[in-house]
Amino acid sequence: MAYINDFKDPILAQRLLIKTLKLENRPPNTQNTTTPKLENCPQTFNIMEVCGTHTMSIYKHGIDKLLPSYINLLSGPGCPVCVTDTAYIDMAAELALQDNVIIATFGDMLRVPGSTCSLSDMRAQGMHIQTVYSPLECIALAKDYPDHEIVFLAVGFETTTPVIALTLKSAIKESLHNLSMLFSLKTMPHAMENLILDKSVNINAFICPGHVAAIIGTRPFEVLSETYQVPMVIAGFERLDLISAIYTLIQMKHDKYYGCQNLYKRVVKPEGSLKALSLIAEAFEPASSSWRGIGTLPQTGLTLKPSLSHFNAALKFNLTLPHAKVHPDCMCGDVLRGLKKPIECLLYQKLCTPSHPIGACMVSSEGTCMNYYKYNS
């Protein structure tokens, strides 16, 4: 219980953990007859979080070590850098080789392995690759380099998508013709549905991503929970947020009820962010998307509307999806689906380390392998 002392309110955290432990010996609640019941709850309870910030917080604060043994925390595909397909990095590398192209990207993307190299390797070789903190910085880049094509690597979930859409609107307003984007935008609800339907994973409950829920609202998660009878909570990112989320899920499991409870009401509204949703709807429409180590999943991505196709770098430069080469022993796909812990990968801590990542899960500050290495090694 040493980790408890690091909590903002260690007494409250300890009380919640004790309550969680006692739930296994408490008679189930039979008073609520309006909520449909869960059936066949296993003794081991698998809870998956699908947000990289949740993953980071769980490992950093040792939450996984404080829990009763019957609770098994699984880290899902919640890190946008980690789920970016190898072939996407290969296409970005192909663009970087062109003389008149400047690649603009978030910093975490630089070290994601492609088939033969990373963008960081290419920058070291003199390719023009610029780190940005916001897609909006590409507007200034396009103005500063009118004779170059600025290609932004548009990677992320629903959280990042609105500002990407806003950047496109700004480019139209500024009449910029030398800005395009290479898209790998992903959406969470259908990805979670795919995980639920994957019986090899055996997920019993979800901690839903607070950042994504702040954009899309609670309803998509409520629909998933009601359809598949999987308990869910929407949680924030502080330590007590996560302890409370786990306690609530165990309580729901024990009482044999399902639903989606919003424990992050200080940020997440039922309708989400209407302004952000409007921006997304103006620029994008649903599409399939390729996830590193998992494959192509229908309805888990976004593509530009036809009227904005001139911003699509893949079309502008006539790029085709290459056949990617991945290390045969890399288990990123299994880690991202919650099938394996990082320590089960043959490469972990041997060939694959933060200073020499073989898989994307060891690159990002939100990656499962990176956090396991940092806080469990």
Protein backbone atom coordinates (compact mmCIF):
# COMPACT_ATOMS: atom_id res chain seq x y z
CA MET A 1 0.00 0.00 0.00
CA ALA A 2 3.05 2.30 -0.16
CA TYR A 3 1.75 3.87 -3.38
CA ILE A 4 -1.31 5.13 -1.48
CA ASN A 5 0.78 7.86 0.16
CA ASP A 6 1.29 9.53 -3.23
CA PHE A 7 -2.44 10.14 -3.70
CA LYS A 8 -4.02 13.55 -3.25
CA ASP A 9 -6.46 11.99 -0.77
CA PRO A 10 -4.84 8.72 0.37
CA ILE A 11 -7.52 8.03 2.99
CA LEU A 12 -10.34 8.19 0.43
CA ALA A 13 -8.34 6.06 -2.01
CA GLN A 14 -7.71 3.44 0.65
CA ARG A 15 -11.39 3.37 1.62
CA LEU A 16 -12.40 2.79 -2.00
CA LEU A 17 -9.85 -0.01 -2.36
CA ILE A 18 -11.08 -1.69 0.82
CA LYS A 19 -14.67 -1.40 -0.42
CA THR A 20 -13.62 -2.94 -3.72
CA LEU A 21 -12.05 -5.89 -1.90
CA LYS A 22 -15.15 -6.37 0.27
CA LEU A 23 -17.51 -6.36 -2.72
CA GLU A 24 -16.63 -9.99 -3.45
CA ASN A 25 -18.15 -11.02 -0.12
CA ARG A 26 -21.22 -8.75 -0.22
CA PRO A 27 -24.68 -10.07 -1.18
CA PRO A 28 -25.75 -8.75 -4.61
CA ASN A 29 -28.18 -5.86 -4.84
CA THR A 30 -31.59 -7.09 -5.98
CA GLN A 31 -33.50 -3.86 -5.39
CA ASN A 32 -33.00 -2.30 -8.82
CA THR A 33 -35.22 -4.25 -11.20
CA THR A 34 -35.22 -1.70 -14.01
CA THR A 35 -31.68 -2.22 -15.29
CA PRO A 36 -30.98 -5.39 -17.33
CA LYS A 37 -28.70 -7.89 -15.61
CA LEU A 38 -25.27 -9.13 -16.52
CA GLU A 39 -24.96 -12.89 -16.81
CA ASN A 40 -22.07 -15.30 -16.30
CA CYS A 41 -19.62 -12.88 -14.66
CA PRO A 42 -16.25 -14.67 -14.33
CA GLN A 43 -14.26 -14.78 -11.10
CA THR A 44 -11.44 -12.79 -12.72
CA PHE A 45 -12.74 -9.43 -13.87
CA ASN A 46 -11.01 -7.97 -16.94
CA ILE A 47 -11.24 -4.18 -17.14
CA MET A 48 -9.85 -2.49 -20.23
CA GLU A 49 -8.93 1.18 -20.46
CA VAL A 50 -8.79 2.58 -23.99
CA CYS A 51 -7.00 5.86 -23.38
CA GLY A 52 -3.25 6.34 -23.35
CA THR A 53 -3.49 8.92 -20.57
CA HIS A 54 -5.35 6.40 -18.41
CA THR A 55 -2.66 3.82 -19.17
CA MET A 56 0.07 6.24 -18.17
CA SER A 57 -1.71 7.20 -14.94
CA ILE A 58 -2.36 3.56 -13.95
CA TYR A 59 1.29 2.55 -14.29
CA LYS A 60 2.76 5.79 -12.98
CA HIS A 61 0.77 5.67 -9.75
CA GLY A 62 0.93 1.91 -9.26
CA ILE A 63 -2.85 1.53 -9.36
CA ASP A 64 -2.52 -1.96 -10.86
CA LYS A 65 -0.47 -3.00 -7.80
CA LEU A 66 -3.05 -1.73 -5.30
CA LEU A 67 -5.98 -3.74 -6.61
CA PRO A 68 -7.33 -7.09 -5.39
CA SER A 69 -5.97 -10.04 -7.35
CA TYR A 70 -9.28 -10.83 -9.04
CA ILE A 71 -9.17 -7.51 -10.95
CA ASN A 72 -7.12 -7.68 -14.15
CA LEU A 73 -6.41 -4.37 -15.88
CA LEU A 74 -5.92 -4.50 -19.65
CA SER A 75 -4.50 -1.67 -21.72
CA GLY A 76 -6.30 -1.31 -25.06
CA PRO A 77 -5.64 0.63 -28.26
CA GLY A 78 -5.95 4.07 -26.68
CA CYS A 79 -2.70 5.63 -27.85
CA PRO A 80 -3.06 7.20 -31.34
CA VAL A 81 0.67 6.95 -32.03
CA CYS A 82 0.74 3.27 -31.06
CA VAL A 83 -2.09 2.26 -33.40
CA THR A 84 -0.68 4.09 -36.41
CA ASP A 85 0.03 1.46 -39.04
CA THR A 86 3.57 0.77 -40.25
CA ALA A 87 2.48 1.37 -43.85
CA TYR A 88 1.42 4.91 -42.92
CA ILE A 89 4.94 5.67 -41.66
CA ASP A 90 6.31 4.23 -44.91
CA MET A 91 4.10 6.59 -46.95
CA ALA A 92 5.23 9.56 -44.84
CA ALA A 93 8.84 8.52 -45.42
CA GLU A 94 8.21 8.37 -49.17
CA LEU A 95 6.85 11.92 -49.08
CA ALA A 96 9.83 13.14 -47.06
CA LEU A 97 12.15 12.08 -49.87
CA GLN A 98 10.64 14.63 -52.25
CA ASP A 99 12.62 17.86 -52.55
CA ASN A 100 9.72 20.29 -52.32
CA VAL A 101 7.94 18.64 -49.36
CA ILE A 102 8.12 19.66 -45.72
CA ILE A 103 6.64 17.10 -43.34
CA ALA A 104 4.98 18.59 -40.25
CA THR A 105 4.27 16.19 -37.41
CA PHE A 106 3.67 15.79 -33.71
CA GLY A 107 6.88 14.91 -31.86
CA ASP A 108 5.80 11.41 -30.79
CA MET A 109 5.46 10.36 -34.42
CA LEU A 110 9.14 10.92 -35.19
CA ARG A 111 10.37 7.70 -33.62
CA VAL A 112 7.56 5.35 -34.67
CA PRO A 113 9.22 2.53 -36.64
CA GLY A 114 8.42 2.10 -40.31
CA SER A 115 9.48 -0.89 -42.38
CA THR A 116 13.07 0.30 -42.70
CA CYS A 117 13.43 3.54 -40.74
CA SER A 118 11.68 6.18 -38.67
CA LEU A 119 11.06 9.82 -39.52
CA SER A 120 13.67 10.70 -36.92
CA ASP A 121 16.22 8.71 -38.91
CA MET A 122 15.22 10.57 -42.06
CA ARG A 123 15.48 13.95 -40.38
CA ALA A 124 18.99 13.03 -39.23
CA GLN A 125 19.79 12.37 -42.90
CA GLY A 126 18.73 15.90 -43.82
CA MET A 127 15.09 15.46 -44.82
CA HIS A 128 12.90 18.45 -44.02
CA ILE A 129 10.71 17.22 -41.15
CA GLN A 130 9.28 19.84 -38.80
CA THR A 131 7.86 19.18 -35.33
CA VAL A 132 4.67 21.07 -34.50
CA TYR A 133 2.50 21.21 -31.38
CA SER A 134 -0.72 22.01 -33.22
CA PRO A 135 -1.96 21.46 -36.79
CA LEU A 136 -2.69 25.20 -36.91
CA GLU A 137 1.07 25.86 -37.01
CA CYS A 138 0.95 24.48 -40.57
CA ILE A 139 -0.83 27.64 -41.72
CA ALA A 140 2.21 29.74 -40.83
CA LEU A 141 4.54 27.13 -42.37
CA ALA A 142 2.62 27.21 -45.64
CA LYS A 143 2.96 31.00 -45.74
CA ASP A 144 6.65 30.94 -44.82
CA TYR A 145 7.48 28.33 -47.49
CA PRO A 146 5.24 29.18 -50.48
CA ASP A 147 7.42 27.13 -52.86
CA HIS A 148 7.11 23.98 -50.75
CA GLU A 149 4.25 21.61 -50.04
CA ILE A 150 3.52 21.37 -46.32
CA VAL A 151 2.21 17.90 -45.48
CA PHE A 152 0.82 17.46 -41.98
CA LEU A 153 0.66 13.94 -40.56
CA ALA A 154 -2.94 13.97 -39.38
CA VAL A 155 -2.96 11.27 -36.73
CA GLY A 156 -5.30 11.01 -33.76
CA PHE A 157 -8.69 10.17 -32.32
CA GLU A 158 -11.82 12.31 -31.98
CA THR A 159 -9.92 14.58 -29.59
CA THR A 160 -7.48 15.79 -32.26
CA THR A 161 -9.85 15.78 -35.21
CA PRO A 162 -11.69 19.10 -34.51
CA VAL A 163 -8.51 21.19 -34.60
CA ILE A 164 -7.46 19.40 -37.80
CA ALA A 165 -10.83 20.34 -39.31
CA LEU A 166 -10.32 23.90 -38.09
CA THR A 167 -6.91 23.97 -39.79
CA LEU A 168 -8.52 22.96 -43.08
CA LYS A 169 -11.07 25.76 -42.71
CA SER A 170 -8.26 28.23 -42.05
CA ALA A 171 -6.38 27.03 -45.12
CA ILE A 172 -9.46 27.63 -47.27
CA LYS A 173 -9.94 31.08 -45.75
CA GLU A 174 -6.29 31.95 -46.41
CA SER A 175 -6.46 30.51 -49.96
CA LEU A 176 -3.47 28.26 -49.30
CA HIS A 177 -2.73 25.76 -52.05
CA ASN A 178 0.50 24.30 -50.68
CA LEU A 179 -0.95 22.55 -47.63
CA SER A 180 -2.17 18.97 -47.53
CA MET A 181 -2.47 16.19 -44.97
CA LEU A 182 -1.73 12.48 -44.77
CA PHE A 183 -4.63 11.08 -42.79
CA SER A 184 -4.76 8.34 -40.20
CA LEU A 185 -7.67 9.52 -38.07
CA LYS A 186 -9.41 6.95 -35.91
CA THR A 187 -12.64 6.78 -33.91
CA MET A 188 -13.10 4.90 -30.67
CA PRO A 189 -16.68 3.50 -30.33
CA HIS A 190 -16.50 1.00 -33.21
CA ALA A 191 -12.99 -0.02 -32.17
CA MET A 192 -14.37 -0.83 -28.72
CA GLU A 193 -17.20 -2.77 -30.35
CA ASN A 194 -14.64 -4.82 -32.27
CA LEU A 195 -12.86 -5.62 -29.00
CA ILE A 196 -16.12 -6.68 -27.37
CA LEU A 197 -16.87 -9.04 -30.25
CA ASP A 198 -13.36 -10.49 -30.12
CA LYS A 199 -13.95 -13.40 -27.73
CA SER A 200 -10.23 -14.11 -27.43
CA VAL A 201 -9.87 -10.91 -25.43
CA ASN A 202 -12.69 -11.55 -22.93
CA ILE A 203 -13.31 -7.97 -21.77
CA ASN A 204 -15.78 -7.68 -18.90
CA ALA A 205 -15.85 -3.89 -18.51
CA PHE A 206 -14.42 -0.67 -19.95
CA ILE A 207 -12.99 2.53 -18.55
CA CYS A 208 -14.02 4.82 -21.40
CA PRO A 209 -11.69 7.59 -22.62
CA GLY A 210 -12.47 10.89 -20.94
CA HIS A 211 -10.91 13.05 -23.66
CA VAL A 212 -12.86 11.35 -26.44
CA ALA A 213 -16.08 11.47 -24.40
CA ALA A 214 -15.62 15.22 -23.93
CA ILE A 215 -15.95 15.52 -27.72
CA ILE A 216 -18.55 12.88 -28.63
CA GLY A 217 -20.56 12.80 -25.39
CA THR A 218 -21.89 9.84 -23.44
CA ARG A 219 -24.45 8.38 -25.86
CA PRO A 220 -22.10 6.30 -28.10
CA PHE A 221 -20.79 4.52 -25.01
CA GLU A 222 -24.28 4.08 -23.60
CA VAL A 223 -25.36 2.41 -26.84
CA LEU A 224 -22.39 0.02 -26.71
CA SER A 225 -23.08 -0.85 -23.08
CA GLU A 226 -26.78 -1.43 -23.66
CA THR A 227 -26.25 -3.43 -26.85
CA TYR A 228 -23.58 -5.79 -25.54
CA GLN A 229 -24.35 -5.70 -21.79
CA VAL A 230 -20.85 -4.56 -20.85
CA PRO A 231 -20.45 -2.24 -17.83
CA MET A 232 -18.70 1.02 -18.66
CA VAL A 233 -17.66 4.18 -16.89
CA ILE A 234 -16.37 7.45 -18.32
CA ALA A 235 -13.51 8.58 -16.11
CA GLY A 236 -11.09 11.43 -15.65
CA PHE A 237 -7.35 11.07 -15.28
CA GLU A 238 -6.50 11.77 -11.66
CA ARG A 239 -5.63 8.83 -9.45
CA LEU A 240 -8.87 8.96 -7.53
CA ASP A 241 -10.80 9.16 -10.81
CA LEU A 242 -9.40 5.78 -11.78
CA ILE A 243 -9.84 4.16 -8.38
CA SER A 244 -13.45 5.39 -8.35
CA ALA A 245 -13.99 4.05 -11.88
CA ILE A 246 -12.69 0.60 -10.95
CA TYR A 247 -14.78 0.51 -7.77
CA THR A 248 -17.91 1.50 -9.72
CA LEU A 249 -17.34 -1.19 -12.35
CA ILE A 250 -16.81 -3.89 -9.72
CA GLN A 251 -19.96 -2.75 -7.93
CA MET A 252 -21.89 -2.95 -11.21
CA LYS A 253 -20.48 -6.41 -11.88
CA HIS A 254 -21.28 -7.66 -8.40
CA ASP A 255 -24.85 -6.36 -8.55
CA LYS A 256 -25.24 -7.90 -12.02
CA TYR A 257 -26.20 -4.70 -13.81
CA TYR A 258 -24.76 -2.98 -16.80
CA GLY A 259 -24.79 0.58 -18.06
CA CYS A 260 -22.47 3.49 -18.74
CA GLN A 261 -21.90 5.82 -15.83
CA ASN A 262 -20.36 9.24 -16.36
CA LEU A 263 -17.94 9.88 -13.50
CA TYR A 264 -16.31 12.78 -15.35
CA LYS A 265 -19.23 15.18 -15.34
CA ARG A 266 -16.98 18.14 -14.62
CA VAL A 267 -15.82 17.86 -18.25
CA VAL A 268 -18.03 15.40 -20.15
CA LYS A 269 -21.58 16.43 -21.07
CA PRO A 270 -24.19 13.99 -22.43
CA GLU A 271 -24.21 15.78 -25.81
CA GLY A 272 -20.43 16.24 -25.94
CA SER A 273 -18.97 19.34 -27.59
CA LEU A 274 -21.46 20.47 -30.23
CA LYS A 275 -18.98 22.90 -31.77
CA ALA A 276 -16.29 20.23 -32.09
CA LEU A 277 -18.77 17.72 -33.52
CA SER A 278 -19.92 20.30 -36.04
CA LEU A 279 -16.34 20.90 -37.21
CA ILE A 280 -15.79 17.15 -37.63
CA ALA A 281 -19.05 16.73 -39.55
CA GLU A 282 -18.15 19.57 -41.93
CA ALA A 283 -14.87 18.01 -43.00
CA PHE A 284 -15.06 14.24 -42.50
CA GLU A 285 -17.16 11.15 -42.98
CA PRO A 286 -16.78 7.63 -41.50
CA ALA A 287 -14.43 5.17 -43.14
CA SER A 288 -12.49 2.01 -42.39
CA SER A 289 -9.06 2.39 -40.86
CA SER A 290 -5.93 0.27 -40.52
CA TRP A 291 -4.66 -0.29 -36.96
CA ARG A 292 -1.08 -1.35 -36.29
CA GLY A 293 -0.91 -5.02 -35.43
CA ILE A 294 -4.70 -5.41 -35.58
CA GLY A 295 -5.67 -4.86 -39.19
CA THR A 296 -8.32 -2.91 -41.05
CA LEU A 297 -11.48 -2.31 -39.01
CA PRO A 298 -14.67 -0.94 -40.62
CA GLN A 299 -16.16 2.32 -39.37
CA THR A 300 -13.17 3.05 -37.13
CA GLY A 301 -11.71 5.97 -39.08
CA LEU A 302 -12.49 9.21 -40.84
CA THR A 303 -11.87 10.32 -44.39
CA LEU A 304 -12.17 13.73 -46.00
CA LYS A 305 -15.42 14.65 -47.67
CA PRO A 306 -15.09 14.69 -51.49
CA SER A 307 -15.29 18.48 -51.59
CA LEU A 308 -12.06 18.66 -49.58
CA SER A 309 -10.16 15.90 -51.38
CA HIS A 310 -7.57 18.41 -52.67
CA PHE A 311 -6.18 18.44 -49.10
CA ASN A 312 -5.55 14.70 -49.23
CA ALA A 313 -1.80 14.20 -49.66
CA ALA A 314 -2.23 10.55 -50.66
CA LEU A 315 -4.31 11.67 -53.66
CA LYS A 316 -2.22 14.75 -54.37
CA PHE A 317 0.99 12.71 -54.61
CA ASN A 318 -0.62 9.54 -55.99
CA LEU A 319 0.52 7.44 -53.04
CA THR A 320 -0.50 3.81 -52.67
CA LEU A 321 -0.47 1.87 -49.42
CA PRO A 322 2.82 -0.06 -49.41
CA HIS A 323 3.30 -3.58 -48.10
CA ALA A 324 4.77 -2.98 -44.68
CA LYS A 325 7.47 -5.08 -43.05
CA VAL A 326 7.12 -5.66 -39.32
CA HIS A 327 9.47 -7.53 -37.00
CA PRO A 328 8.01 -11.05 -36.74
CA ASP A 329 8.42 -11.16 -32.95
CA CYS A 330 6.79 -7.77 -32.27
CA MET A 331 3.61 -8.26 -30.22
CA CYS A 332 2.24 -4.72 -30.47
CA GLY A 333 -1.03 -6.02 -31.90
CA ASP A 334 -1.57 -8.43 -29.02
CA VAL A 335 -0.59 -5.78 -26.48
CA LEU A 336 -3.00 -3.26 -28.02
CA ARG A 337 -5.84 -5.80 -27.85
CA GLY A 338 -5.11 -6.67 -24.24
CA LEU A 339 -4.09 -10.25 -25.10
CA LYS A 340 -0.52 -9.88 -23.88
CA LYS A 341 1.35 -7.92 -21.25
CA PRO A 342 4.52 -6.18 -22.49
CA ILE A 343 6.72 -8.53 -20.49
CA GLU A 344 5.39 -11.46 -22.57
CA CYS A 345 6.88 -10.04 -25.76
CA LEU A 346 10.16 -11.70 -26.76
CA LEU A 347 11.62 -8.31 -27.73
CA TYR A 348 10.69 -6.43 -24.55
CA GLN A 349 13.73 -5.03 -22.68
CA LYS A 350 16.01 -7.00 -24.99
CA LEU A 351 15.88 -5.60 -28.52
CA CYS A 352 12.98 -3.24 -27.82
CA THR A 353 13.66 -0.41 -25.38
CA PRO A 354 12.71 3.30 -25.24
CA SER A 355 16.09 4.21 -26.73
CA HIS A 356 15.68 1.61 -29.50
CA PRO A 357 11.97 0.89 -30.04
CA ILE A 358 11.00 -1.96 -32.33
CA GLY A 359 7.26 -1.45 -31.84
CA ALA A 360 5.21 1.73 -31.53
CA CYS A 361 4.00 0.81 -28.03
CA MET A 362 7.54 1.52 -26.79
CA VAL A 363 7.66 4.97 -28.44
CA SER A 364 4.89 7.16 -27.12
CA SER A 365 4.68 8.52 -23.57
CA GLU A 366 1.18 6.98 -23.60
CA GLY A 367 2.31 3.60 -24.94
CA THR A 368 1.69 0.50 -22.85
CA CYS A 369 5.20 -0.90 -23.27
CA MET A 370 6.84 2.44 -22.60
CA ASN A 371 4.92 2.88 -19.34
CA TYR A 372 5.44 -0.73 -18.28
CA TYR A 373 9.17 -0.30 -18.92
CA LYS A 374 9.32 3.03 -17.10
CA TYR A 375 7.34 2.11 -13.99
CA ASN A 376 7.75 -1.66 -13.65
CA SER A 377 11.37 -2.25 -14.63
